[in-house]
C-alpha atoms as a PDB file:
ATOM      1  CA  MET A   1     -85.552  85.345 -17.733  1.00  0.00           C
ATOM      2  CA  ARG A   2     -82.117  86.523 -18.661  1.00  0.00           C
ATOM      3  CA  GLU A   3     -81.431  87.463 -15.018  1.00  0.00           C
ATOM      4  CA  ALA A   4     -82.894  84.087 -13.864  1.00  0.00           C
ATOM      5  CA  LEU A   5     -80.470  82.163 -16.173  1.00  0.00           C
ATOM      6  CA  LYS A   6     -77.417  84.294 -15.295  1.00  0.00           C
ATOM      7  CA  PRO A   7     -76.536  82.173 -12.293  1.00  0.00           C
ATOM      8  CA  LEU A   8     -76.733  78.978 -14.175  1.00  0.00           C
ATOM      9  CA  ARG A   9     -74.422  80.415 -17.002  1.00  0.00           C
ATOM     10  CA  GLN A  10     -71.915  81.506 -14.357  1.00  0.00           C
ATOM     11  CA  ALA A  11     -71.945  77.831 -12.946  1.00  0.00           C
ATOM     12  CA  ASN A  12     -71.458  76.261 -16.271  1.00  0.00           C
ATOM     13  CA  ASN A  13     -68.407  78.656 -16.864  1.00  0.00           C
ATOM     14  CA  THR A  14     -66.974  77.834 -13.675  1.00  0.00           C
ATOM     15  CA  LEU A  15     -67.503  74.047 -14.239  1.00  0.00           C
ATOM     16  CA  ARG A  16     -65.834  74.376 -17.598  1.00  0.00           C
ATOM     17  CA  ARG A  17     -62.854  76.130 -16.148  1.00  0.00           C
ATOM     18  CA  LEU A  18     -62.426  73.402 -13.474  1.00  0.00           C
ATOM     19  CA  ASP A  19     -62.472  70.817 -16.217  1.00  0.00           C
ATOM     20  CA  HIS A  20     -59.664  72.582 -18.049  1.00  0.00           C
ATOM     21  CA  VAL A  21     -57.670  73.131 -14.704  1.00  0.00           C
ATOM     22  CA  PHE A  22     -58.048  69.430 -13.595  1.00  0.00           C
ATOM     23  CA  ALA A  23     -57.195  68.055 -17.113  1.00  0.00           C
ATOM     24  CA  ALA A  24     -54.014  70.207 -17.034  1.00  0.00           C
ATOM     25  CA  VAL A  25     -53.301  68.889 -13.589  1.00  0.00           C
ATOM     26  CA  ASP A  26     -53.674  65.201 -14.472  1.00  0.00           C
ATOM     27  CA  HIS A  27     -51.547  65.531 -17.664  1.00  0.00           C
ATOM     28  CA  GLY A  28     -49.047  68.043 -16.789  1.00  0.00           C
ATOM     29  CA  SER A  29     -49.423  69.614 -20.272  1.00  0.00           C
ATOM     30  CA  LEU A  30     -51.917  72.241 -21.727  1.00  0.00           C
ATOM     31  CA  ARG A  31     -51.336  70.554 -25.047  1.00  0.00           C
ATOM     32  CA  GLN A  32     -52.269  67.071 -23.694  1.00  0.00           C
ATOM     33  CA  ALA A  33     -55.237  68.615 -21.692  1.00  0.00           C
ATOM     34  CA  ALA A  34     -56.526  70.261 -24.798  1.00  0.00           C
ATOM     35  CA  ARG A  35     -56.259  66.932 -26.742  1.00  0.00           C
ATOM     36  CA  VAL A  36     -58.315  65.092 -24.193  1.00  0.00           C
ATOM     37  CA  LEU A  37     -60.914  67.656 -23.963  1.00  0.00           C
ATOM     38  CA  ARG A  38     -60.962  68.026 -27.760  1.00  0.00           C
ATOM     39  CA  VAL A  39     -60.549  71.986 -27.664  1.00  0.00           C
ATOM     40  CA  ARG A  40     -57.520  74.306 -28.723  1.00  0.00           C
ATOM     41  CA  GLU A  41     -54.737  74.648 -26.416  1.00  0.00           C
ATOM     42  CA  SER A  42     -55.378  78.431 -26.241  1.00  0.00           C
ATOM     43  CA  CYS A  43     -59.006  77.673 -24.960  1.00  0.00           C
ATOM     44  CA  VAL A  44     -57.491  75.643 -22.032  1.00  0.00           C
ATOM     45  CA  SER A  45     -54.985  78.445 -21.245  1.00  0.00           C
ATOM     46  CA  ARG A  46     -57.556  80.900 -21.362  1.00  0.00           C
ATOM     47  CA  ASN A  47     -59.961  79.291 -18.933  1.00  0.00           C
ATOM     48  CA  ILE A  48     -57.237  78.470 -16.497  1.00  0.00           C
ATOM     49  CA  VAL A  49     -56.029  82.142 -16.512  1.00  0.00           C
ATOM     50  CA  ALA A  50     -59.745  83.183 -15.968  1.00  0.00           C
ATOM     51  CA  LEU A  51     -60.010  80.844 -12.961  1.00  0.00           C
ATOM     52  CA  GLU A  52     -56.683  82.086 -11.591  1.00  0.00           C
ATOM     53  CA  GLN A  53     -58.065  85.659 -11.916  1.00  0.00           C
ATOM     54  CA  LEU A  54     -61.248  84.678 -10.240  1.00  0.00           C
ATOM     55  CA  LEU A  55     -59.497  83.027  -7.224  1.00  0.00           C
ATOM     56  CA  ASP A  56     -56.716  85.618  -7.256  1.00  0.00           C
ATOM     57  CA  MET A  57     -54.130  82.927  -7.123  1.00  0.00           C
ATOM     58  CA  GLN A  58     -51.584  81.451  -9.453  1.00  0.00           C
ATOM     59  CA  LEU A  59     -52.329  77.603  -9.739  1.00  0.00           C
ATOM     60  CA  PHE A  60     -49.703  76.789 -12.117  1.00  0.00           C
ATOM     61  CA  ASP A  61     -46.103  77.412 -12.944  1.00  0.00           C
ATOM     62  CA  ARG A  62     -45.513  77.189 -16.759  1.00  0.00           C
ATOM     63  CA  ASP A  63     -42.314  76.496 -18.705  1.00  0.00           C
ATOM     64  CA  VAL A  64     -41.289  74.818 -21.982  1.00  0.00           C
ATOM     65  CA  HIS A  65     -41.814  71.341 -20.365  1.00  0.00           C
ATOM     66  CA  GLY A  66     -45.499  71.913 -19.401  1.00  0.00           C
ATOM     67  CA  VAL A  67     -47.241  72.979 -16.312  1.00  0.00           C
ATOM     68  CA  ARG A  68     -46.827  72.019 -12.675  1.00  0.00           C
ATOM     69  CA  LEU A  69     -48.863  73.137  -9.702  1.00  0.00           C
ATOM     70  CA  THR A  70     -47.648  75.853  -7.396  1.00  0.00           C
ATOM     71  CA  GLU A  71     -47.712  75.158  -3.609  1.00  0.00           C
ATOM     72  CA  ALA A  72     -50.740  77.300  -3.210  1.00  0.00           C
ATOM     73  CA  GLY A  73     -52.300  75.468  -6.333  1.00  0.00           C
ATOM     74  CA  ARG A  74     -51.741  72.081  -4.811  1.00  0.00           C
ATOM     75  CA  ALA A  75     -53.299  72.877  -1.592  1.00  0.00           C
ATOM     76  CA  TRP A  76     -56.340  74.418  -3.443  1.00  0.00           C
ATOM     77  CA  ILE A  77     -56.657  71.309  -5.720  1.00  0.00           C
ATOM     78  CA  ASP A  78     -56.530  68.839  -2.782  1.00  0.00           C
ATOM     79  CA  LEU A  79     -59.263  70.843  -1.095  1.00  0.00           C
ATOM     80  CA  VAL A  80     -61.603  71.116  -4.202  1.00  0.00           C
ATOM     81  CA  ARG A  81     -60.969  67.879  -5.986  1.00  0.00           C
ATOM     82  CA  ALA A  82     -63.494  65.682  -4.113  1.00  0.00           C
ATOM     83  CA  HIS A  83     -66.289  68.270  -4.438  1.00  0.00           C
ATOM     84  CA  TYR A  84     -65.419  68.638  -8.160  1.00  0.00           C
ATOM     85  CA  GLU A  85     -65.546  64.884  -8.754  1.00  0.00           C
ATOM     86  CA  GLY A  86     -68.708  64.659  -6.755  1.00  0.00           C
ATOM     87  CA  LEU A  87     -70.556  67.373  -8.776  1.00  0.00           C
ATOM     88  CA  HIS A  88     -69.534  65.596 -12.006  1.00  0.00           C
ATOM     89  CA  ASP A  89     -70.936  62.511 -10.597  1.00  0.00           C
ATOM     90  CA  ALA A  90     -74.267  64.017  -9.724  1.00  0.00           C
ATOM     91  CA  LEU A  91     -74.577  65.849 -13.141  1.00  0.00           C
ATOM     92  CA  ALA A  92     -73.935  62.646 -14.840  1.00  0.00           C
ATOM     93  CA  GLY A  93     -76.658  60.796 -12.904  1.00  0.00           C
ATOM     94  CA  GLY A  94     -74.448  59.404 -10.186  1.00  0.00           C
ATOM     95  CA  GLY A  95     -77.551  57.705  -8.621  1.00  0.00           C
ATOM     96  CA  ARG A  96     -77.878  55.249 -11.593  1.00  0.00           C
ATOM     97  CA  GLY A  97     -79.876  52.924  -9.440  1.00  0.00           C
ATOM     98  CA  HIS A  98     -80.064  49.327  -8.603  1.00  0.00           C
ATOM     99  CA  GLN A  99     -79.137  48.174 -12.044  1.00  0.00           C
ATOM    100  CA  ASP A 100     -75.875  49.938 -11.996  1.00  0.00           C
ATOM    101  CA  ALA A 101     -75.070  48.809  -8.597  1.00  0.00           C
ATOM    102  CA  LYS A 102     -75.191  45.189 -10.075  1.00  0.00           C
ATOM    103  CA  THR A 103     -72.740  46.063 -12.768  1.00  0.00           C
ATOM    104  CA  VAL A 104     -69.002  46.312 -12.504  1.00  0.00           C
ATOM    105  CA  ARG A 105     -67.502  48.588 -15.266  1.00  0.00           C
ATOM    106  CA  ILE A 106     -63.911  47.709 -16.159  1.00  0.00           C
ATOM    107  CA  GLY A 107     -61.671  49.902 -18.120  1.00  0.00           C
ATOM    108  CA  PHE A 108     -58.679  48.300 -19.953  1.00  0.00           C
ATOM    109  CA  CYS A 109     -55.774  50.303 -21.537  1.00  0.00           C
ATOM    110  CA  ALA A 110     -52.822  47.844 -21.687  1.00  0.00           C
ATOM    111  CA  GLN A 111     -51.691  45.052 -23.915  1.00  0.00           C
ATOM    112  CA  MET A 112     -50.007  43.562 -20.950  1.00  0.00           C
ATOM    113  CA  GLY A 113     -52.043  41.763 -18.210  1.00  0.00           C
ATOM    114  CA  ARG A 114     -55.088  40.614 -20.364  1.00  0.00           C
ATOM    115  CA  ALA A 115     -54.517  36.831 -19.444  1.00  0.00           C
ATOM    116  CA  PHE A 116     -54.875  37.851 -15.765  1.00  0.00           C
ATOM    117  CA  VAL A 117     -57.917  40.041 -16.359  1.00  0.00           C
ATOM    118  CA  VAL A 118     -59.581  37.118 -18.250  1.00  0.00           C
ATOM    119  CA  ARG A 119     -58.987  34.712 -15.374  1.00  0.00           C
ATOM    120  CA  LEU A 120     -60.280  37.467 -12.887  1.00  0.00           C
ATOM    121  CA  ILE A 121     -63.547  37.948 -14.828  1.00  0.00           C
ATOM    122  CA  ASP A 122     -64.198  34.300 -15.107  1.00  0.00           C
ATOM    123  CA  ARG A 123     -63.406  33.698 -11.456  1.00  0.00           C
ATOM    124  CA  PHE A 124     -65.521  36.754 -10.483  1.00  0.00           C
ATOM    125  CA  ARG A 125     -68.553  35.473 -12.558  1.00  0.00           C
ATOM    126  CA  SER A 126     -68.531  32.309 -11.032  1.00  0.00           C
ATOM    127  CA  LEU A 127     -68.541  33.687  -7.465  1.00  0.00           C
ATOM    128  CA  HIS A 128     -71.025  36.335  -8.200  1.00  0.00           C
ATOM    129  CA  PRO A 129     -73.359  35.154 -11.064  1.00  0.00           C
ATOM    130  CA  ASP A 130     -75.713  37.890 -10.242  1.00  0.00           C
ATOM    131  CA  VAL A 131     -73.350  40.745 -11.045  1.00  0.00           C
ATOM    132  CA  SER A 132     -72.788  41.927 -14.714  1.00  0.00           C
ATOM    133  CA  VAL A 133     -69.542  42.973 -16.107  1.00  0.00           C
ATOM    134  CA  ALA A 134     -68.931  45.641 -18.650  1.00  0.00           C
ATOM    135  CA  ILE A 135     -65.542  46.062 -20.317  1.00  0.00           C
ATOM    136  CA  GLU A 136     -64.326  48.928 -22.481  1.00  0.00           C
ATOM    137  CA  ASP A 137     -61.037  50.343 -23.762  1.00  0.00           C
ATOM    138  CA  ILE A 138     -59.886  53.598 -22.188  1.00  0.00           C
ATOM    139  CA  PRO A 139     -57.051  55.701 -23.711  1.00  0.00           C
ATOM    140  CA  HIS A 140     -54.451  56.007 -20.990  1.00  0.00           C
ATOM    141  CA  GLU A 141     -54.668  59.791 -20.865  1.00  0.00           C
ATOM    142  CA  GLN A 142     -58.392  59.418 -19.947  1.00  0.00           C
ATOM    143  CA  CYS A 143     -58.135  56.904 -17.374  1.00  0.00           C
ATOM    144  CA  LEU A 144     -58.049  59.259 -14.341  1.00  0.00           C
ATOM    145  CA  ALA A 145     -61.091  61.261 -15.628  1.00  0.00           C
ATOM    146  CA  ALA A 146     -62.987  58.153 -16.400  1.00  0.00           C
ATOM    147  CA  ILE A 147     -62.319  56.574 -12.817  1.00  0.00           C
ATOM    148  CA  ARG A 148     -63.124  59.949 -11.133  1.00  0.00           C
ATOM    149  CA  ARG A 149     -66.227  60.503 -12.936  1.00  0.00           C
ATOM    150  CA  ARG A 150     -67.536  56.966 -12.527  1.00  0.00           C
ATOM    151  CA  ARG A 151     -67.578  56.208 -16.239  1.00  0.00           C
ATOM    152  CA  VAL A 152     -65.656  53.104 -15.216  1.00  0.00           C
ATOM    153  CA  ASP A 153     -65.142  51.565 -11.666  1.00  0.00           C
ATOM    154  CA  ILE A 154     -61.850  50.132 -12.047  1.00  0.00           C
ATOM    155  CA  VAL A 155     -59.004  50.341 -14.623  1.00  0.00           C
ATOM    156  CA  PHE A 156     -56.195  47.964 -15.315  1.00  0.00           C
ATOM    157  CA  THR A 157     -52.924  49.647 -16.500  1.00  0.00           C
ATOM    158  CA  HIS A 158     -49.348  49.986 -15.917  1.00  0.00           C
ATOM    159  CA  GLY A 159     -49.863  52.753 -13.448  1.00  0.00           C
ATOM    160  CA  LEU A 160     -50.954  56.281 -13.277  1.00  0.00           C
ATOM    161  CA  GLU A 161     -49.465  59.521 -12.033  1.00  0.00           C
ATOM    162  CA  ASN A 162     -51.343  62.122 -10.015  1.00  0.00           C
ATOM    163  CA  ALA A 163     -53.872  59.428  -9.104  1.00  0.00           C
ATOM    164  CA  SER A 164     -55.016  61.218  -5.861  1.00  0.00           C
ATOM    165  CA  LEU A 165     -58.295  60.016  -4.334  1.00  0.00           C
ATOM    166  CA  CYS A 166     -57.490  56.669  -5.973  1.00  0.00           C
ATOM    167  CA  ARG A 167     -56.217  53.474  -4.601  1.00  0.00           C
ATOM    168  CA  SER A 168     -53.922  50.984  -6.591  1.00  0.00           C
ATOM    169  CA  GLU A 169     -52.603  47.631  -6.252  1.00  0.00           C
ATOM    170  CA  ILE A 170     -50.278  45.408  -8.361  1.00  0.00           C
ATOM    171  CA  VAL A 171     -52.476  42.485  -9.448  1.00  0.00           C
ATOM    172  CA  ALA A 172     -50.160  40.755 -12.036  1.00  0.00           C
ATOM    173  CA  HIS A 173     -46.691  40.335 -13.517  1.00  0.00           C
ATOM    174  CA  GLU A 174     -46.388  39.269 -17.151  1.00  0.00           C
ATOM    175  CA  ARG A 175     -43.567  38.186 -19.312  1.00  0.00           C
ATOM    176  CA  LEU A 176     -42.680  40.435 -22.067  1.00  0.00           C
ATOM    177  CA  PHE A 177     -42.527  39.384 -25.737  1.00  0.00           C
ATOM    178  CA  VAL A 178     -41.021  41.288 -28.692  1.00  0.00           C
ATOM    179  CA  LEU A 179     -42.345  41.320 -32.176  1.00  0.00           C
ATOM    180  CA  LEU A 180     -39.769  40.749 -34.800  1.00  0.00           C
ATOM    181  CA  PRO A 181     -39.987  40.674 -38.615  1.00  0.00           C
ATOM    182  CA  VAL A 182     -39.393  36.992 -39.817  1.00  0.00           C
ATOM    183  CA  GLY A 183     -36.198  37.932 -41.555  1.00  0.00           C
ATOM    184  CA  HIS A 184     -34.628  39.273 -38.242  1.00  0.00           C
ATOM    185  CA  PRO A 185     -31.250  37.616 -37.334  1.00  0.00           C
ATOM    186  CA  LEU A 186     -32.701  36.848 -33.942  1.00  0.00           C
ATOM    187  CA  ALA A 187     -35.928  35.313 -35.379  1.00  0.00           C
ATOM    188  CA  GLU A 188     -34.840  31.646 -34.935  1.00  0.00           C
ATOM    189  CA  ARG A 189     -33.726  32.004 -31.190  1.00  0.00           C
ATOM    190  CA  PRO A 190     -35.986  30.438 -28.619  1.00  0.00           C
ATOM    191  CA  ALA A 191     -35.561  33.762 -26.564  1.00  0.00           C
ATOM    192  CA  VAL A 192     -33.785  37.117 -26.715  1.00  0.00           C
ATOM    193  CA  THR A 193     -32.384  39.625 -24.220  1.00  0.00           C
ATOM    194  CA  TRP A 194     -32.564  43.377 -24.472  1.00  0.00           C
ATOM    195  CA  ALA A 195     -28.938  43.593 -24.981  1.00  0.00           C
ATOM    196  CA  ASP A 196     -29.466  41.388 -28.110  1.00  0.00           C
ATOM    197  CA  LEU A 197     -31.431  44.189 -29.553  1.00  0.00           C
ATOM    198  CA  ALA A 198     -28.981  46.966 -28.711  1.00  0.00           C
ATOM    199  CA  ASP A 199     -28.802  48.105 -32.327  1.00  0.00           C
ATOM    200  CA  THR A 200     -32.521  48.025 -32.818  1.00  0.00           C
ATOM    201  CA  CYS A 201     -35.318  50.592 -32.460  1.00  0.00           C
ATOM    202  CA  LEU A 202     -38.087  49.727 -30.063  1.00  0.00           C
ATOM    203  CA  LEU A 203     -41.297  51.252 -31.478  1.00  0.00           C
ATOM    204  CA  ILE A 204     -43.788  52.585 -28.927  1.00  0.00           C
ATOM    205  CA  PRO A 205     -46.979  54.181 -30.175  1.00  0.00           C
ATOM    206  CA  VAL A 206     -47.527  57.568 -28.795  1.00  0.00           C
ATOM    207  CA  GLY A 207     -49.942  57.660 -25.796  1.00  0.00           C
ATOM    208  CA  SER A 208     -49.094  53.858 -25.400  1.00  0.00           C
ATOM    209  CA  PRO A 209     -49.711  52.809 -21.713  1.00  0.00           C
ATOM    210  CA  GLN A 210     -46.169  51.313 -21.412  1.00  0.00           C
ATOM    211  CA  ASP A 211     -44.617  51.412 -18.102  1.00  0.00           C
ATOM    212  CA  PRO A 212     -42.159  54.442 -18.238  1.00  0.00           C
ATOM    213  CA  VAL A 213     -39.984  53.050 -15.567  1.00  0.00           C
ATOM    214  CA  LEU A 214     -39.664  49.641 -17.532  1.00  0.00           C
ATOM    215  CA  LEU A 215     -38.725  51.646 -20.732  1.00  0.00           C
ATOM    216  CA  GLU A 216     -36.038  53.805 -18.993  1.00  0.00           C
ATOM    217  CA  LYS A 217     -34.553  50.351 -17.550  1.00  0.00           C
ATOM    218  CA  ILE A 218     -34.515  48.839 -20.999  1.00  0.00           C
ATOM    219  CA  ALA A 219     -32.829  51.822 -22.548  1.00  0.00           C
ATOM    220  CA  SER A 220     -30.309  52.210 -19.671  1.00  0.00           C
ATOM    221  CA  ASP A 221     -29.217  48.590 -19.582  1.00  0.00           C
ATOM    222  CA  GLY A 222     -27.838  48.745 -23.094  1.00  0.00           C
ATOM    223  CA  GLY A 223     -31.011  47.787 -24.733  1.00  0.00           C
ATOM    224  CA  PRO A 224     -32.558  49.130 -27.991  1.00  0.00           C
ATOM    225  CA  THR A 225     -33.287  52.729 -28.587  1.00  0.00           C
ATOM    226  CA  ILE A 226     -36.817  53.805 -27.631  1.00  0.00           C
ATOM    227  CA  GLN A 227     -38.545  55.487 -30.387  1.00  0.00           C
ATOM    228  CA  ILE A 228     -41.963  56.915 -29.467  1.00  0.00           C
ATOM    229  CA  CYS A 229     -43.992  56.907 -32.632  1.00  0.00           C
ATOM    230  CA  ARG A 230     -46.900  59.323 -33.574  1.00  0.00           C
ATOM    231  CA  ALA A 231     -48.838  56.287 -35.055  1.00  0.00           C
ATOM    232  CA  SER A 232     -51.376  53.779 -34.019  1.00  0.00           C
ATOM    233  CA  ASP A 233     -50.589  50.112 -33.046  1.00  0.00           C
ATOM    234  CA  ALA A 234     -51.390  48.975 -36.557  1.00  0.00           C
ATOM    235  CA  THR A 235     -49.011  51.346 -38.080  1.00  0.00           C
ATOM    236  CA  VAL A 236     -46.195  50.269 -35.666  1.00  0.00           C
ATOM    237  CA  ILE A 237     -46.895  46.545 -36.613  1.00  0.00           C
ATOM    238  CA  LEU A 238     -46.613  47.530 -40.267  1.00  0.00           C
ATOM    239  CA  ARG A 239     -43.202  49.214 -39.561  1.00  0.00           C
ATOM    240  CA  VAL A 240     -42.140  45.891 -37.758  1.00  0.00           C
ATOM    241  CA  GLN A 241     -43.194  43.853 -40.841  1.00  0.00           C
ATOM    242  CA  LEU A 242     -41.139  46.207 -43.000  1.00  0.00           C
ATOM    243  CA  GLY A 243     -38.150  45.688 -40.856  1.00  0.00           C
ATOM    244  CA  GLN A 244     -37.895  49.276 -39.438  1.00  0.00           C
ATOM    245  CA  GLY A 245     -37.897  48.126 -35.622  1.00  0.00           C
ATOM    246  CA  VAL A 246     -39.503  45.971 -33.170  1.00  0.00           C
ATOM    247  CA  THR A 247     -42.326  46.353 -30.614  1.00  0.00           C
ATOM    248  CA  LEU A 248     -43.335  44.565 -27.461  1.00  0.00           C
ATOM    249  CA  ALA A 249     -46.446  43.195 -25.715  1.00  0.00           C
ATOM    250  CA  GLY A 250     -47.292  40.816 -22.749  1.00  0.00           C
ATOM    251  CA  GLU A 251     -47.409  36.966 -23.009  1.00  0.00           C
ATOM    252  CA  GLY A 252     -51.122  36.936 -23.054  1.00  0.00           C
ATOM    253  CA  PHE A 253     -51.465  39.234 -26.212  1.00  0.00           C
ATOM    254  CA  ALA A 254     -48.373  37.492 -27.943  1.00  0.00           C
ATOM    255  CA  GLY A 255     -49.953  34.126 -27.434  1.00  0.00           C
ATOM    256  CA  THR A 256     -53.223  34.815 -28.913  1.00  0.00           C
ATOM    257  CA  VAL A 257     -52.402  37.330 -31.784  1.00  0.00           C
ATOM    258  CA  ALA A 258     -50.485  36.072 -34.715  1.00  0.00           C
ATOM    259  CA  ILE A 259     -49.278  38.605 -37.267  1.00  0.00           C
ATOM    260  CA  ASP A 260     -48.090  37.951 -40.783  1.00  0.00           C
ATOM    261  CA  ALA A 261     -44.409  38.214 -41.594  1.00  0.00           C
ATOM    262  CA  THR A 262     -43.561  38.505 -37.899  1.00  0.00           C
ATOM    263  CA  VAL A 263     -42.665  36.408 -35.095  1.00  0.00           C
ATOM    264  CA  TRP A 264     -43.148  36.744 -31.243  1.00  0.00           C
ATOM    265  CA  LYS A 265     -40.182  36.007 -28.935  1.00  0.00           C
ATOM    266  CA  PRO A 266     -40.015  36.002 -25.228  1.00  0.00           C
ATOM    267  CA  ILE A 267     -37.611  38.331 -23.468  1.00  0.00           C
ATOM    268  CA  SER A 268     -35.119  36.773 -20.943  1.00  0.00           C
ATOM    269  CA  GLY A 269     -32.907  38.268 -18.345  1.00  0.00           C
ATOM    270  CA  GLN A 270     -33.356  41.879 -16.856  1.00  0.00           C
ATOM    271  CA  SER A 271     -36.473  43.837 -17.372  1.00  0.00           C
ATOM    272  CA  SER A 272     -38.294  40.846 -18.811  1.00  0.00           C
ATOM    273  CA  THR A 273     -41.602  41.273 -16.950  1.00  0.00           C
ATOM    274  CA  SER A 274     -43.980  43.997 -16.619  1.00  0.00           C
ATOM    275  CA  SER A 275     -46.452  44.627 -13.651  1.00  0.00           C
ATOM    276  CA  ILE A 276     -50.123  45.593 -13.953  1.00  0.00           C
ATOM    277  CA  LYS A 277     -52.077  47.680 -11.567  1.00  0.00           C
ATOM    278  CA  ALA A 278     -55.768  47.803 -10.688  1.00  0.00           C
ATOM    279  CA  VAL A 279     -56.659  51.634 -10.042  1.00  0.00           C
ATOM    280  CA  TRP A 280     -60.062  52.596  -8.641  1.00  0.00           C
ATOM    281  CA  LEU A 281     -61.770  55.524  -6.778  1.00  0.00           C
ATOM    282  CA  GLU A 282     -61.387  55.094  -3.098  1.00  0.00           C
ATOM    283  CA  SER A 283     -64.610  56.545  -2.363  1.00  0.00           C
ATOM    284  CA  ASN A 284     -66.546  54.431  -4.845  1.00  0.00           C
ATOM    285  CA  PRO A 285     -69.189  52.713  -2.525  1.00  0.00           C
ATOM    286  CA  LYS A 286     -70.167  49.974  -4.994  1.00  0.00           C
ATOM    287  CA  ARG A 287     -70.133  46.624  -3.281  1.00  0.00           C
ATOM    288  CA  ALA A 288     -69.708  44.732  -6.657  1.00  0.00           C
ATOM    289  CA  LEU A 289     -66.547  46.770  -7.097  1.00  0.00           C
ATOM    290  CA  LEU A 290     -65.261  45.780  -3.687  1.00  0.00           C
ATOM    291  CA  ARG A 291     -65.903  42.013  -4.326  1.00  0.00           C
ATOM    292  CA  LEU A 292     -63.967  42.331  -7.719  1.00  0.00           C
ATOM    293  CA  VAL A 293     -60.939  43.942  -5.857  1.00  0.00           C
ATOM    294  CA  GLY A 294     -61.199  41.195  -3.225  1.00  0.00           C
ATOM    295  CA  THR A 295     -61.266  38.546  -5.823  1.00  0.00           C
ATOM    296  CA  ALA A 296     -58.312  40.051  -7.480  1.00  0.00           C
ATOM    297  CA  SER A 297     -56.340  40.298  -4.233  1.00  0.00           C
ATOM    298  CA  ASN A 298     -57.229  36.691  -3.466  1.00  0.00           C
ATOM    299  CA  MET A 299     -55.889  35.544  -6.814  1.00  0.00           C
ATOM    300  CA  VAL A 300     -52.538  37.499  -6.146  1.00  0.00           C
ATOM    301  CA  THR A 301     -52.129  35.866  -2.705  1.00  0.00           C
ATOM    302  CA  ALA A 302     -52.730  32.447  -4.114  1.00  0.00           C
ATOM    303  CA  THR A 303     -50.084  32.785  -6.781  1.00  0.00           C
ATOM    304  CA  SER A 304     -47.412  34.595  -4.704  1.00  0.00           C
END
């Protein structure tokens, strides 16, 4: 019996090592990979080294900033990734049957773009009443894994790095709003610019799916100092209420969520909008997903 189970144990070990390798690829950091996998960083490192020894190949270059694929590692990842995702899909019950084929699973991980997604779902339901829509929040660092393992069919976010095997399209642009404490000197203005907030901290929760390019533009154009906070959205809002900084969201969120002792103000001028991307697995064959993507594309064309 032990001999019969040995190949299964070896397969499980290999799959676990692959999980750790691909998490490191997607996040560029052993620490981030460990956080997503909910294991110790040493465990991720140990499993990657074990796979490198098995392959007799160095997959990653490592430095104080994180990990990045070697040239040989990138070639190997490109070759193996589709097989790895397919195996996970099969083990998770990839053939979920007819009922799942009639359900589109949407992942959402951004405060921006919610108004567009609401309109999209309403439009899609009117066109395809026989298709169910399931929605769930996805932490930004888990988006790629959720898409590739078919936990969700499509994600709406600001964009994802290392999104190989995925397709993406910009589906919406939304005006940015900043949350100010009611006693802020700018609280009475109809709108503010980033330059108006030059002496202010812009509080961004760690892991927030904010567009990094947008944040760089805000900081480089004489705007507020960007402060990444190891805190939840609720704690960041509390800090705004206490006058310790400001934070931002899209127009759809700002227009529907009122927060005590604060006021939302629209941003005008440069870097006053944010784009939302739809990201999905290119090999996902689900017709309902293709119909949803088609509906989104038609809505974008109609408003452009």
